[in-house]
Structures are given as structure tokens and as C-alpha cells.
Amino acid sequence: RLIIGCGAVGAMEGAVARTIQYCKEREAFGGPLTQFQNTRFQLAEVKTKTMVARAFLDECISEHLRGELSVDKAAMQKYWLTDTQGEVLDACLQLHGGYGFMQEYAVGEMWADARVQRIYGGTNEIMKELIARNL
């Protein structure tokens, strides 16, 4: 489950970096997409979520290396990181507009790949059950 979290964070980081670059380069109404407050706010949100996700993942990796990662915390990171991955990738795809679905843009493929993350390794609903059992 920890490796699924690693993939989720890596995908978020890649998508956010690509989306920031895209928004700086793509022009609409005479300027880059980043001229629009909503675009800047969306980028700020996905960057923040991604950084928080990285911090949580790094904490879980450290605990795993010390042999201290609990089953419920492993479940927490799998469920939360993959749910957050879905949110971040959806926002990145939206910022790409129709181009996000074109094969030339990696964000569309990353978005499609993100969906299965919430299923394999135990569905996120099962992860919540594992967490709840230890409350």
C-alpha cells in the first residue's frame, strides 16, 4: 500500500509541474492563463495539496523504514493520497481544457491512470474500514 502512495504523490508532482508550465505558456484573451485569478488560485490549491501529500508520505516512509508504520496509518496514507491524487489530477486536467484529453498531453493519461489507484491494493472503502477498526 505504501508503494501505491508513492505512485500517487509522484503523479501529483508531475501533473502539477506540467500544469504550471502549461498555464504559463498557454495564451487566452491576449495573455497567459496565469493572468486569471481563478487559474492562479487553482494552481495554488493543487500545489498545496501536493506538498501536504508529500509530507505525509515522507512521514510514512520514515516510519516504515524504522519498522513503526501501523496497519491503520498505512491504510490512511493509501486512501488519502489516492483520493487527493484524483482531486489534483482532475483540477490539472480542467486547467488544460480540451487539450487534457489529447495524447500529446501527459496529464490526460495521468488522470485516467489515477482512477485505479483508489481500487487496487484494497479499495479506499476497505482502507476506511481498516482505519475504523483501530479507533
Protein backbone atom coordinates (compact mmCIF):
# COMPACT_ATOMS: atom_id res chain seq x y z
CA ARG A 1 0.00 0.00 0.00
CA LEU A 2 2.88 2.33 0.68
CA ILE A 3 4.13 1.96 -2.88
CA ILE A 4 0.68 2.98 -4.15
CA GLY A 5 1.00 6.16 -2.10
CA CYS A 6 4.43 6.75 -3.67
CA GLY A 7 2.91 6.50 -7.12
CA ALA A 8 0.09 8.84 -6.18
CA VAL A 9 2.42 11.55 -4.93
CA GLY A 10 4.76 11.16 -7.89
CA ALA A 11 1.84 11.54 -10.28
CA MET A 12 0.60 14.63 -8.44
CA GLU A 13 4.04 16.24 -8.51
CA GLY A 14 4.44 15.52 -12.21
CA ALA A 15 0.98 16.74 -13.12
CA VAL A 16 1.29 19.93 -11.10
CA ALA A 17 4.68 20.78 -12.63
CA ARG A 18 3.36 20.16 -16.14
CA THR A 19 0.19 22.14 -15.46
CA ILE A 20 2.04 25.16 -14.07
CA GLN A 21 4.26 25.20 -17.15
CA TYR A 22 1.26 24.78 -19.46
CA CYS A 23 -0.63 27.64 -17.80
CA LYS A 24 2.39 29.93 -18.14
CA GLU A 25 2.72 29.13 -21.85
CA ARG A 26 -0.92 28.81 -22.98
CA GLU A 27 -2.48 32.08 -24.04
CA ALA A 28 -6.12 33.12 -23.89
CA PHE A 29 -7.60 36.60 -24.29
CA GLY A 30 -4.20 38.10 -25.05
CA GLY A 31 -2.12 36.66 -22.24
CA PRO A 32 -1.10 33.51 -20.38
CA LEU A 33 -3.69 31.54 -18.43
CA THR A 34 -1.85 32.59 -15.27
CA GLN A 35 -3.18 36.14 -15.76
CA PHE A 36 -6.51 34.89 -14.43
CA GLN A 37 -7.03 34.84 -10.68
CA ASN A 38 -9.04 31.62 -10.81
CA THR A 39 -6.18 29.85 -12.59
CA ARG A 40 -3.68 31.10 -10.02
CA PHE A 41 -5.97 30.01 -7.17
CA GLN A 42 -6.41 26.55 -8.71
CA LEU A 43 -2.65 26.18 -9.14
CA ALA A 44 -2.11 27.31 -5.55
CA GLU A 45 -4.58 24.69 -4.33
CA VAL A 46 -3.08 21.77 -6.26
CA LYS A 47 0.46 22.77 -5.28
CA THR A 48 -0.54 22.96 -1.61
CA LYS A 49 -2.35 19.61 -1.67
CA THR A 50 0.65 18.03 -3.36
CA MET A 51 3.11 19.38 -0.81
CA VAL A 52 0.95 18.20 2.10
CA ALA A 53 0.67 14.79 0.44
CA ARG A 54 4.48 14.61 0.07
CA ALA A 55 4.98 15.44 3.75
CA PHE A 56 2.53 12.73 4.84
CA LEU A 57 4.11 10.18 2.51
CA ASP A 58 7.63 11.02 3.72
CA GLU A 59 6.48 10.55 7.32
CA CYS A 60 5.00 7.15 6.47
CA ILE A 61 8.16 6.09 4.62
CA SER A 62 10.29 7.07 7.62
CA GLU A 63 8.05 5.07 9.94
CA HIS A 64 8.18 2.09 7.58
CA LEU A 65 11.99 2.19 7.49
CA ARG A 66 12.04 2.16 11.30
CA GLY A 67 9.53 -0.71 11.36
CA GLU A 68 6.93 1.52 13.02
CA LEU A 69 4.29 2.04 10.30
CA SER A 70 0.99 0.73 11.63
CA VAL A 71 -1.62 -1.02 9.52
CA ASP A 72 -4.13 1.76 10.08
CA LYS A 73 -1.68 4.53 9.17
CA ALA A 74 -0.66 2.62 6.02
CA ALA A 75 -4.35 2.44 5.16
CA MET A 76 -4.75 6.16 5.89
CA GLN A 77 -1.96 7.12 3.53
CA LYS A 78 -3.21 4.82 0.75
CA TYR A 79 -6.78 6.13 0.94
CA TRP A 80 -5.98 9.81 1.48
CA LEU A 81 -3.14 10.07 -1.02
CA THR A 82 -5.06 8.35 -3.80
CA ASP A 83 -8.22 10.38 -3.15
CA THR A 84 -6.11 13.54 -3.20
CA GLN A 85 -4.40 12.33 -6.37
CA GLY A 86 -7.81 12.13 -8.03
CA GLU A 87 -8.68 15.68 -6.94
CA VAL A 88 -5.34 17.12 -8.05
CA LEU A 89 -5.31 15.33 -11.41
CA ASP A 90 -8.90 16.38 -12.08
CA ALA A 91 -8.02 20.02 -11.42
CA CYS A 92 -4.91 19.78 -13.60
CA LEU A 93 -6.92 18.24 -16.43
CA GLN A 94 -9.51 21.02 -16.13
CA LEU A 95 -6.79 23.65 -16.44
CA HIS A 96 -5.62 22.01 -19.67
CA GLY A 97 -9.13 22.24 -21.10
CA GLY A 98 -9.79 20.06 -24.13
CA TYR A 99 -6.06 19.55 -24.63
CA GLY A 100 -6.01 17.49 -21.46
CA PHE A 101 -7.68 14.63 -23.31
CA MET A 102 -5.25 14.63 -26.21
CA GLN A 103 -2.50 12.01 -26.29
CA GLU A 104 0.12 14.72 -26.76
CA TYR A 105 -0.50 15.86 -23.19
CA ALA A 106 0.56 13.54 -20.38
CA VAL A 107 -1.96 14.96 -17.91
CA GLY A 108 -4.90 13.17 -19.57
CA GLU A 109 -3.18 9.81 -19.31
CA MET A 110 -2.15 10.54 -15.72
CA TRP A 111 -5.76 11.45 -14.93
CA ALA A 112 -7.06 8.18 -16.39
CA ASP A 113 -4.38 6.15 -14.60
CA ALA A 114 -5.22 7.78 -11.27
CA ARG A 115 -8.67 6.23 -11.05
CA VAL A 116 -7.47 2.67 -10.49
CA GLN A 117 -5.28 3.80 -7.60
CA ARG A 118 -8.40 4.01 -5.42
CA ILE A 119 -9.29 0.40 -6.26
CA TYR A 120 -6.28 -1.88 -6.24
CA GLY A 121 -4.32 -2.62 -3.12
CA GLY A 122 -7.67 -2.66 -1.35
CA THR A 123 -10.41 -0.20 -2.22
CA ASN A 124 -10.43 3.07 -0.34
CA GLU A 125 -13.65 1.98 1.35
CA ILE A 126 -11.79 -1.05 2.73
CA MET A 127 -8.97 1.27 3.86
CA LYS A 128 -11.51 3.29 5.84
CA GLU A 129 -12.79 0.08 7.43
CA LEU A 130 -9.24 -0.84 8.50
CA ILE A 131 -8.79 2.62 9.99
CA ALA A 132 -12.14 2.50 11.80
CA ARG A 133 -11.31 -0.86 13.39
CA ASN A 134 -8.42 0.77 15.25
CA LEU A 135 -10.28 3.81 16.55
